[in-house]
Every structure is written in structure tokens, then in C-alpha cells.
Amino acid sequence: METALLPISRPALGSGGITGTWRTLKPVVNLAKCIDCGICWLYCPESVIDWEKGQKIKIDYTYCKGCGICAHECPTKAIEMVPETGL
């Protein structure tokens, strides 16, 4: 039995340019608390979280807007929104 693959969207450079340049908060993952459930990946509206079962979560900060949905939805509170530095 074949399984249909779902299309995966990837962020692209928008008309406003790279989105992460004006972010005030950014998500930081505590991998010790992460249970590898993929909920953050599922809810990210910008598809900037790269997740695959058994792999460490990677966030593309170039396009992350810092909305905090990933931190809000994380069942173990493994994602913390911290102030952006270096802007």
C-alpha cells in the first residue's frame, strides 16, 4: 500500500525581505525537555522549523518572525521566547 506524501512548504524571500531582521523575541529550544513530538513544526505559520522524528529541531532564524506560537503549543514548554540580541 502506497502512502501519499504531503507537500512541504518552505519559506521564500517575501516582498518585505528577510523576516527575521525585525524580530524582537526568538524561540530557543531546550533539547533536554523536547520530546520530539513535532507539534512546534506542525503549528509554525512560517514553516521555519525543520523537524524529523529522531532528529534535533532546527529553526531558520532568517525567516522566523518570533510569533511564539511554537512556544505556546509545545506540550513540555521546551521552547522559550528570549529577547533578540544583535539587531
PDB file of N, CA and C in Angstrom:
ATOM      1  N   MET A   1       0.848  -1.180   0.000  1.00  0.00           N
ATOM      2  CA  MET A   1       0.000   0.000   0.000  1.00  0.00           C
ATOM      3  C   MET A   1       0.885   1.233   0.000  1.00  0.00           C
ATOM      4  N   GLU A   2       0.655   2.129  -0.951  1.00  0.00           N
ATOM      5  CA  GLU A   2       1.428   3.366  -1.032  1.00  0.00           C
ATOM      6  C   GLU A   2       0.825   4.424  -0.132  1.00  0.00           C
ATOM      7  N   THR A   3       1.684   5.235   0.400  1.00  0.00           N
ATOM      8  CA  THR A   3       1.250   6.341   1.237  1.00  0.00           C
ATOM      9  C   THR A   3       1.478   7.637   0.481  1.00  0.00           C
ATOM     10  N   ALA A   4       0.468   8.471   0.423  1.00  0.00           N
ATOM     11  CA  ALA A   4       0.606   9.764  -0.252  1.00  0.00           C
ATOM     12  C   ALA A   4       1.473  10.690   0.586  1.00  0.00           C
ATOM     13  N   LEU A   5       2.397  11.339  -0.049  1.00  0.00           N
ATOM     14  CA  LEU A   5       3.247  12.301   0.642  1.00  0.00           C
ATOM     15  C   LEU A   5       2.594  13.664   0.610  1.00  0.00           C
ATOM     16  N   LEU A   6       2.634  14.345   1.713  1.00  0.00           N
ATOM     17  CA  LEU A   6       2.083  15.691   1.781  1.00  0.00           C
ATOM     18  C   LEU A   6       3.127  16.680   1.279  1.00  0.00           C
ATOM     19  N   PRO A   7       2.710  17.692   0.564  1.00  0.00           N
ATOM     20  CA  PRO A   7       3.674  18.704   0.129  1.00  0.00           C
ATOM     21  C   PRO A   7       4.203  19.471   1.338  1.00  0.00           C
ATOM     22  N   ILE A   8       5.455  19.814   1.285  1.00  0.00           N
ATOM     23  CA  ILE A   8       6.076  20.578   2.360  1.00  0.00           C
ATOM     24  C   ILE A   8       6.398  21.950   1.817  1.00  0.00           C
ATOM     25  N   SER A   9       5.888  22.963   2.473  1.00  0.00           N
ATOM     26  CA  SER A   9       6.177  24.323   2.030  1.00  0.00           C
ATOM     27  C   SER A   9       7.450  24.821   2.690  1.00  0.00           C
ATOM     28  N   ARG A  10       8.141  25.638   2.000  1.00  0.00           N
ATOM     29  CA  ARG A  10       9.367  26.243   2.517  1.00  0.00           C
ATOM     30  C   ARG A  10       9.241  27.746   2.415  1.00  0.00           C
ATOM     31  N   PRO A  11       9.811  28.491   3.371  1.00  0.00           N
ATOM     32  CA  PRO A  11       9.730  29.952   3.292  1.00  0.00           C
ATOM     33  C   PRO A  11      10.522  30.462   2.105  1.00  0.00           C
ATOM     34  N   ALA A  12      10.057  31.527   1.577  1.00  0.00           N
ATOM     35  CA  ALA A  12      10.751  32.173   0.472  1.00  0.00           C
ATOM     36  C   ALA A  12      10.912  33.650   0.805  1.00  0.00           C
ATOM     37  N   LEU A  13      11.840  34.274   0.153  1.00  0.00           N
ATOM     38  CA  LEU A  13      12.066  35.684   0.376  1.00  0.00           C
ATOM     39  C   LEU A  13      10.821  36.451  -0.043  1.00  0.00           C
ATOM     40  N   GLY A  14      10.199  37.145   0.887  1.00  0.00           N
ATOM     41  CA  GLY A  14       8.986  37.896   0.595  1.00  0.00           C
ATOM     42  C   GLY A  14       9.303  39.275   0.050  1.00  0.00           C
ATOM     43  N   SER A  15       8.260  39.997  -0.295  1.00  0.00           N
ATOM     44  CA  SER A  15       8.462  41.331  -0.851  1.00  0.00           C
ATOM     45  C   SER A  15       9.083  42.275   0.173  1.00  0.00           C
ATOM     46  N   GLY A  16       8.892  41.965   1.461  1.00  0.00           N
ATOM     47  CA  GLY A  16       9.479  42.794   2.517  1.00  0.00           C
ATOM     48  C   GLY A  16      10.884  42.354   2.882  1.00  0.00           C
ATOM     49  N   GLY A  17      11.418  41.348   2.215  1.00  0.00           N
ATOM     50  CA  GLY A  17      12.767  40.876   2.502  1.00  0.00           C
ATOM     51  C   GLY A  17      12.780  39.807   3.557  1.00  0.00           C
ATOM     52  N   ILE A  18      13.912  39.604   4.146  1.00  0.00           N
ATOM     53  CA  ILE A  18      14.079  38.591   5.177  1.00  0.00           C
ATOM     54  C   ILE A  18      13.284  39.015   6.405  1.00  0.00           C
ATOM     55  N   THR A  19      12.498  38.090   6.926  1.00  0.00           N
ATOM     56  CA  THR A  19      11.575  38.446   8.000  1.00  0.00           C
ATOM     57  C   THR A  19      12.221  38.526   9.371  1.00  0.00           C
ATOM     58  N   GLY A  20      13.311  37.844   9.606  1.00  0.00           N
ATOM     59  CA  GLY A  20      13.893  37.790  10.942  1.00  0.00           C
ATOM     60  C   GLY A  20      14.629  39.038  11.380  1.00  0.00           C
ATOM     61  N   THR A  21      14.770  40.014  10.502  1.00  0.00           N
ATOM     62  CA  THR A  21      15.554  41.205  10.861  1.00  0.00           C
ATOM     63  C   THR A  21      14.829  42.130  11.825  1.00  0.00           C
ATOM     64  N   TRP A  22      13.534  42.046  11.915  1.00  0.00           N
ATOM     65  CA  TRP A  22      12.784  42.934  12.795  1.00  0.00           C
ATOM     66  C   TRP A  22      12.180  42.204  13.998  1.00  0.00           C
ATOM     67  N   ARG A  23      12.560  40.968  14.197  1.00  0.00           N
ATOM     68  CA  ARG A  23      12.043  40.157  15.310  1.00  0.00           C
ATOM     69  C   ARG A  23      12.553  40.708  16.637  1.00  0.00           C
ATOM     70  N   THR A  24      11.702  40.739  17.663  1.00  0.00           N
ATOM     71  CA  THR A  24      12.115  41.191  18.992  1.00  0.00           C
ATOM     72  C   THR A  24      12.333  40.021  19.957  1.00  0.00           C
ATOM     73  N   LEU A  25      11.639  38.905  19.706  1.00  0.00           N
ATOM     74  CA  LEU A  25      11.819  37.697  20.516  1.00  0.00           C
ATOM     75  C   LEU A  25      12.105  36.537  19.570  1.00  0.00           C
ATOM     76  N   LYS A  26      12.917  35.604  20.040  1.00  0.00           N
ATOM     77  CA  LYS A  26      13.178  34.433  19.203  1.00  0.00           C
ATOM     78  C   LYS A  26      13.013  33.164  20.038  1.00  0.00           C
ATOM     79  N   PRO A  27      12.567  32.083  19.412  1.00  0.00           N
ATOM     80  CA  PRO A  27      12.387  30.829  20.141  1.00  0.00           C
ATOM     81  C   PRO A  27      13.718  30.093  20.317  1.00  0.00           C
ATOM     82  N   VAL A  28      13.925  29.601  21.521  1.00  0.00           N
ATOM     83  CA  VAL A  28      15.110  28.790  21.818  1.00  0.00           C
ATOM     84  C   VAL A  28      14.620  27.468  22.392  1.00  0.00           C
ATOM     85  N   VAL A  29      15.092  26.384  21.808  1.00  0.00           N
ATOM     86  CA  VAL A  29      14.618  25.046  22.189  1.00  0.00           C
ATOM     87  C   VAL A  29      15.548  24.447  23.224  1.00  0.00           C
ATOM     88  N   ASN A  30      14.973  23.992  24.332  1.00  0.00           N
ATOM     89  CA  ASN A  30      15.707  23.227  25.338  1.00  0.00           C
ATOM     90  C   ASN A  30      15.577  21.756  24.933  1.00  0.00           C
ATOM     91  N   LEU A  31      16.608  21.231  24.302  1.00  0.00           N
ATOM     92  CA  LEU A  31      16.534  19.869  23.763  1.00  0.00           C
ATOM     93  C   LEU A  31      16.403  18.805  24.851  1.00  0.00           C
ATOM     94  N   ALA A  32      16.782  19.131  26.082  1.00  0.00           N
ATOM     95  CA  ALA A  32      16.621  18.175  27.180  1.00  0.00           C
ATOM     96  C   ALA A  32      15.144  17.987  27.530  1.00  0.00           C
ATOM     97  N   LYS A  33      14.329  19.035  27.304  1.00  0.00           N
ATOM     98  CA  LYS A  33      12.897  18.956  27.592  1.00  0.00           C
ATOM     99  C   LYS A  33      12.078  18.504  26.380  1.00  0.00           C
ATOM    100  N   CYS A  34      12.647  18.623  25.206  1.00  0.00           N
ATOM    101  CA  CYS A  34      11.928  18.307  23.966  1.00  0.00           C
ATOM    102  C   CYS A  34      11.639  16.800  23.904  1.00  0.00           C
ATOM    103  N   ILE A  35      10.389  16.458  23.599  1.00  0.00           N
ATOM    104  CA  ILE A  35      10.005  15.044  23.494  1.00  0.00           C
ATOM    105  C   ILE A  35       9.876  14.605  22.034  1.00  0.00           C
ATOM    106  N   ASP A  36      10.322  15.442  21.117  1.00  0.00           N
ATOM    107  CA  ASP A  36      10.372  15.079  19.697  1.00  0.00           C
ATOM    108  C   ASP A  36       8.981  14.770  19.141  1.00  0.00           C
ATOM    109  N   CYS A  37       8.007  15.585  19.523  1.00  0.00           N
ATOM    110  CA  CYS A  37       6.631  15.335  19.086  1.00  0.00           C
ATOM    111  C   CYS A  37       6.290  16.017  17.767  1.00  0.00           C
ATOM    112  N   GLY A  38       6.989  17.084  17.430  1.00  0.00           N
ATOM    113  CA  GLY A  38       6.741  17.782  16.169  1.00  0.00           C
ATOM    114  C   GLY A  38       5.593  18.775  16.205  1.00  0.00           C
ATOM    115  N   ILE A  39       5.028  19.021  17.380  1.00  0.00           N
ATOM    116  CA  ILE A  39       3.915  19.969  17.476  1.00  0.00           C
ATOM    117  C   ILE A  39       4.361  21.371  17.037  1.00  0.00           C
ATOM    118  N   CYS A  40       5.546  21.793  17.420  1.00  0.00           N
ATOM    119  CA  CYS A  40       6.058  23.117  17.032  1.00  0.00           C
ATOM    120  C   CYS A  40       6.165  23.209  15.509  1.00  0.00           C
ATOM    121  N   TRP A  41       6.647  22.183  14.897  1.00  0.00           N
ATOM    122  CA  TRP A  41       6.772  22.120  13.429  1.00  0.00           C
ATOM    123  C   TRP A  41       5.395  22.224  12.783  1.00  0.00           C
ATOM    124  N   LEU A  42       4.428  21.524  13.360  1.00  0.00           N
ATOM    125  CA  LEU A  42       3.080  21.497  12.812  1.00  0.00           C
ATOM    126  C   LEU A  42       2.407  22.867  12.876  1.00  0.00           C
ATOM    127  N   TYR A  43       2.604  23.596  13.967  1.00  0.00           N
ATOM    128  CA  TYR A  43       1.899  24.859  14.164  1.00  0.00           C
ATOM    129  C   TYR A  43       2.650  26.083  13.642  1.00  0.00           C
ATOM    130  N   CYS A  44       3.899  25.966  13.297  1.00  0.00           N
ATOM    131  CA  CYS A  44       4.662  27.125  12.831  1.00  0.00           C
ATOM    132  C   CYS A  44       4.020  27.691  11.556  1.00  0.00           C
ATOM    133  N   PRO A  45       3.536  28.949  11.596  1.00  0.00           N
ATOM    134  CA  PRO A  45       2.861  29.504  10.425  1.00  0.00           C
ATOM    135  C   PRO A  45       3.822  29.840   9.284  1.00  0.00           C
ATOM    136  N   GLU A  46       5.102  29.912   9.560  1.00  0.00           N
ATOM    137  CA  GLU A  46       6.070  30.279   8.524  1.00  0.00           C
ATOM    138  C   GLU A  46       6.894  29.086   8.030  1.00  0.00           C
ATOM    139  N   SER A  47       6.648  27.916   8.568  1.00  0.00           N
ATOM    140  CA  SER A  47       7.384  26.696   8.172  1.00  0.00           C
ATOM    141  C   SER A  47       8.892  26.870   8.311  1.00  0.00           C
ATOM    142  N   VAL A  48       9.319  27.492   9.398  1.00  0.00           N
ATOM    143  CA  VAL A  48      10.754  27.709   9.595  1.00  0.00           C
ATOM    144  C   VAL A  48      11.379  26.673  10.525  1.00  0.00           C
ATOM    145  N   ILE A  49      10.553  25.780  11.069  1.00  0.00           N
ATOM    146  CA  ILE A  49      11.079  24.745  11.952  1.00  0.00           C
ATOM    147  C   ILE A  49      11.299  23.483  11.135  1.00  0.00           C
ATOM    148  N   ASP A  50      12.526  23.005  11.177  1.00  0.00           N
ATOM    149  CA  ASP A  50      12.877  21.795  10.462  1.00  0.00           C
ATOM    150  C   ASP A  50      12.880  20.660  11.487  1.00  0.00           C
ATOM    151  N   TRP A  51      11.973  19.740  11.314  1.00  0.00           N
ATOM    152  CA  TRP A  51      11.833  18.643  12.269  1.00  0.00           C
ATOM    153  C   TRP A  51      11.643  17.331  11.532  1.00  0.00           C
ATOM    154  N   GLU A  52      12.321  16.340  12.019  1.00  0.00           N
ATOM    155  CA  GLU A  52      12.140  14.989  11.522  1.00  0.00           C
ATOM    156  C   GLU A  52      12.307  14.077  12.721  1.00  0.00           C
ATOM    157  N   LYS A  53      11.435  13.120  12.869  1.00  0.00           N
ATOM    158  CA  LYS A  53      11.453  12.224  14.031  1.00  0.00           C
ATOM    159  C   LYS A  53      12.866  11.679  14.257  1.00  0.00           C
ATOM    160  N   GLY A  54      13.352  11.826  15.462  1.00  0.00           N
ATOM    161  CA  GLY A  54      14.678  11.334  15.815  1.00  0.00           C
ATOM    162  C   GLY A  54      15.801  12.315  15.536  1.00  0.00           C
ATOM    163  N   GLN A  55      15.479  13.461  14.946  1.00  0.00           N
ATOM    164  CA  GLN A  55      16.487  14.481  14.650  1.00  0.00           C
ATOM    165  C   GLN A  55      16.271  15.681  15.568  1.00  0.00           C
ATOM    166  N   LYS A  56      17.298  16.464  15.779  1.00  0.00           N
ATOM    167  CA  LYS A  56      17.161  17.669  16.577  1.00  0.00           C
ATOM    168  C   LYS A  56      16.399  18.726  15.787  1.00  0.00           C
ATOM    169  N   ILE A  57      15.606  19.498  16.498  1.00  0.00           N
ATOM    170  CA  ILE A  57      14.849  20.588  15.880  1.00  0.00           C
ATOM    171  C   ILE A  57      15.807  21.691  15.465  1.00  0.00           C
ATOM    172  N   LYS A  58      15.574  22.213  14.261  1.00  0.00           N
ATOM    173  CA  LYS A  58      16.356  23.347  13.776  1.00  0.00           C
ATOM    174  C   LYS A  58      15.388  24.450  13.388  1.00  0.00           C
ATOM    175  N   ILE A  59      15.711  25.666  13.782  1.00  0.00           N
ATOM    176  CA  ILE A  59      14.869  26.814  13.455  1.00  0.00           C
ATOM    177  C   ILE A  59      15.649  27.733  12.529  1.00  0.00           C
ATOM    178  N   ASP A  60      15.027  28.101  11.416  1.00  0.00           N
ATOM    179  CA  ASP A  60      15.644  29.031  10.475  1.00  0.00           C
ATOM    180  C   ASP A  60      15.333  30.447  10.959  1.00  0.00           C
ATOM    181  N   TYR A  61      16.269  31.026  11.686  1.00  0.00           N
ATOM    182  CA  TYR A  61      16.052  32.351  12.262  1.00  0.00           C
ATOM    183  C   TYR A  61      16.034  33.454  11.203  1.00  0.00           C
ATOM    184  N   THR A  62      16.466  33.149  10.009  1.00  0.00           N
ATOM    185  CA  THR A  62      16.428  34.146   8.938  1.00  0.00           C
ATOM    186  C   THR A  62      14.995  34.537   8.620  1.00  0.00           C
ATOM    187  N   TYR A  63      14.090  33.576   8.751  1.00  0.00           N
ATOM    188  CA  TYR A  63      12.697  33.829   8.396  1.00  0.00           C
ATOM    189  C   TYR A  63      11.736  33.754   9.577  1.00  0.00           C
ATOM    190  N   CYS A  64      12.206  33.369  10.749  1.00  0.00           N
ATOM    191  CA  CYS A  64      11.341  33.298  11.930  1.00  0.00           C
ATOM    192  C   CYS A  64      10.926  34.706  12.334  1.00  0.00           C
ATOM    193  N   LYS A  65       9.617  34.916  12.507  1.00  0.00           N
ATOM    194  CA  LYS A  65       9.096  36.216  12.898  1.00  0.00           C
ATOM    195  C   LYS A  65       9.050  36.394  14.409  1.00  0.00           C
ATOM    196  N   GLY A  66       9.247  35.307  15.155  1.00  0.00           N
ATOM    197  CA  GLY A  66       9.200  35.395  16.605  1.00  0.00           C
ATOM    198  C   GLY A  66       7.782  35.498  17.138  1.00  0.00           C
ATOM    199  N   CYS A  67       6.840  34.888  16.456  1.00  0.00           N
ATOM    200  CA  CYS A  67       5.430  34.990  16.861  1.00  0.00           C
ATOM    201  C   CYS A  67       5.155  34.249  18.167  1.00  0.00           C
ATOM    202  N   GLY A  68       5.920  33.201  18.470  1.00  0.00           N
ATOM    203  CA  GLY A  68       5.766  32.485  19.733  1.00  0.00           C
ATOM    204  C   GLY A  68       4.735  31.375  19.716  1.00  0.00           C
ATOM    205  N   ILE A  69       4.144  31.103  18.568  1.00  0.00           N
ATOM    206  CA  ILE A  69       3.150  30.028  18.511  1.00  0.00           C
ATOM    207  C   ILE A  69       3.792  28.689  18.871  1.00  0.00           C
ATOM    208  N   CYS A  70       5.004  28.459  18.422  1.00  0.00           N
ATOM    209  CA  CYS A  70       5.697  27.202  18.735  1.00  0.00           C
ATOM    210  C   CYS A  70       5.852  27.031  20.248  1.00  0.00           C
ATOM    211  N   ALA A  71       6.240  28.101  20.934  1.00  0.00           N
ATOM    212  CA  ALA A  71       6.415  28.037  22.390  1.00  0.00           C
ATOM    213  C   ALA A  71       5.075  27.829  23.093  1.00  0.00           C
ATOM    214  N   HIS A  72       4.044  28.468  22.567  1.00  0.00           N
ATOM    215  CA  HIS A  72       2.714  28.342  23.169  1.00  0.00           C
ATOM    216  C   HIS A  72       2.163  26.922  23.022  1.00  0.00           C
ATOM    217  N   GLU A  73       2.404  26.308  21.888  1.00  0.00           N
ATOM    218  CA  GLU A  73       1.842  24.984  21.616  1.00  0.00           C
ATOM    219  C   GLU A  73       2.687  23.830  22.155  1.00  0.00           C
ATOM    220  N   CYS A  74       3.933  24.062  22.490  1.00  0.00           N
ATOM    221  CA  CYS A  74       4.811  22.991  22.969  1.00  0.00           C
ATOM    222  C   CYS A  74       4.247  22.370  24.255  1.00  0.00           C
ATOM    223  N   PRO A  75       3.962  21.059  24.251  1.00  0.00           N
ATOM    224  CA  PRO A  75       3.351  20.432  25.422  1.00  0.00           C
ATOM    225  C   PRO A  75       4.282  20.327  26.634  1.00  0.00           C
ATOM    226  N   THR A  76       5.580  20.388  26.420  1.00  0.00           N
ATOM    227  CA  THR A  76       6.517  20.267  27.543  1.00  0.00           C
ATOM    228  C   THR A  76       7.177  21.604  27.890  1.00  0.00           C
ATOM    229  N   LYS A  77       6.766  22.651  27.196  1.00  0.00           N
ATOM    230  CA  LYS A  77       7.338  24.003  27.408  1.00  0.00           C
ATOM    231  C   LYS A  77       8.864  23.976  27.202  1.00  0.00           C
ATOM    232  N   ALA A  78       9.272  23.249  26.184  1.00  0.00           N
ATOM    233  CA  ALA A  78      10.696  23.148  25.864  1.00  0.00           C
ATOM    234  C   ALA A  78      11.188  24.339  25.042  1.00  0.00           C
ATOM    235  N   ILE A  79      10.268  25.164  24.564  1.00  0.00           N
ATOM    236  CA  ILE A  79      10.648  26.323  23.755  1.00  0.00           C
ATOM    237  C   ILE A  79      10.384  27.585  24.561  1.00  0.00           C
ATOM    238  N   GLU A  80      11.417  28.382  24.690  1.00  0.00           N
ATOM    239  CA  GLU A  80      11.313  29.638  25.436  1.00  0.00           C
ATOM    240  C   GLU A  80      11.551  30.791  24.462  1.00  0.00           C
ATOM    241  N   MET A  81      10.739  31.822  24.571  1.00  0.00           N
ATOM    242  CA  MET A  81      10.934  33.019  23.758  1.00  0.00           C
ATOM    243  C   MET A  81      11.869  33.949  24.527  1.00  0.00           C
ATOM    244  N   VAL A  82      13.007  34.251  23.934  1.00  0.00           N
ATOM    245  CA  VAL A  82      14.006  35.099  24.586  1.00  0.00           C
ATOM    246  C   VAL A  82      14.208  36.364  23.752  1.00  0.00           C
ATOM    247  N   PRO A  83      14.589  37.467  24.398  1.00  0.00           N
ATOM    248  CA  PRO A  83      14.812  38.704  23.652  1.00  0.00           C
ATOM    249  C   PRO A  83      15.892  38.534  22.591  1.00  0.00           C
ATOM    250  N   GLU A  84      15.627  39.121  21.454  1.00  0.00           N
ATOM    251  CA  GLU A  84      16.584  39.084  20.346  1.00  0.00           C
ATOM    252  C   GLU A  84      17.762  39.995  20.685  1.00  0.00           C
ATOM    253  N   THR A  85      18.934  39.545  20.367  1.00  0.00           N
ATOM    254  CA  THR A  85      20.122  40.368  20.580  1.00  0.00           C
ATOM    255  C   THR A  85      20.847  40.504  19.254  1.00  0.00           C
ATOM    256  N   GLY A  86      21.641  41.498  19.143  1.00  0.00           N
ATOM    257  CA  GLY A  86      22.455  41.663  17.955  1.00  0.00           C
ATOM    258  C   GLY A  86      21.749  42.296  16.789  1.00  0.00           C
ATOM    259  N   LEU A  87      20.647  42.998  17.037  1.00  0.00           N
ATOM    260  CA  LEU A  87      19.962  43.675  15.929  1.00  0.00           C
ATOM    261  C   LEU A  87      20.584  45.009  15.661  1.00  0.00           C
TER     262      LEU A  87
END
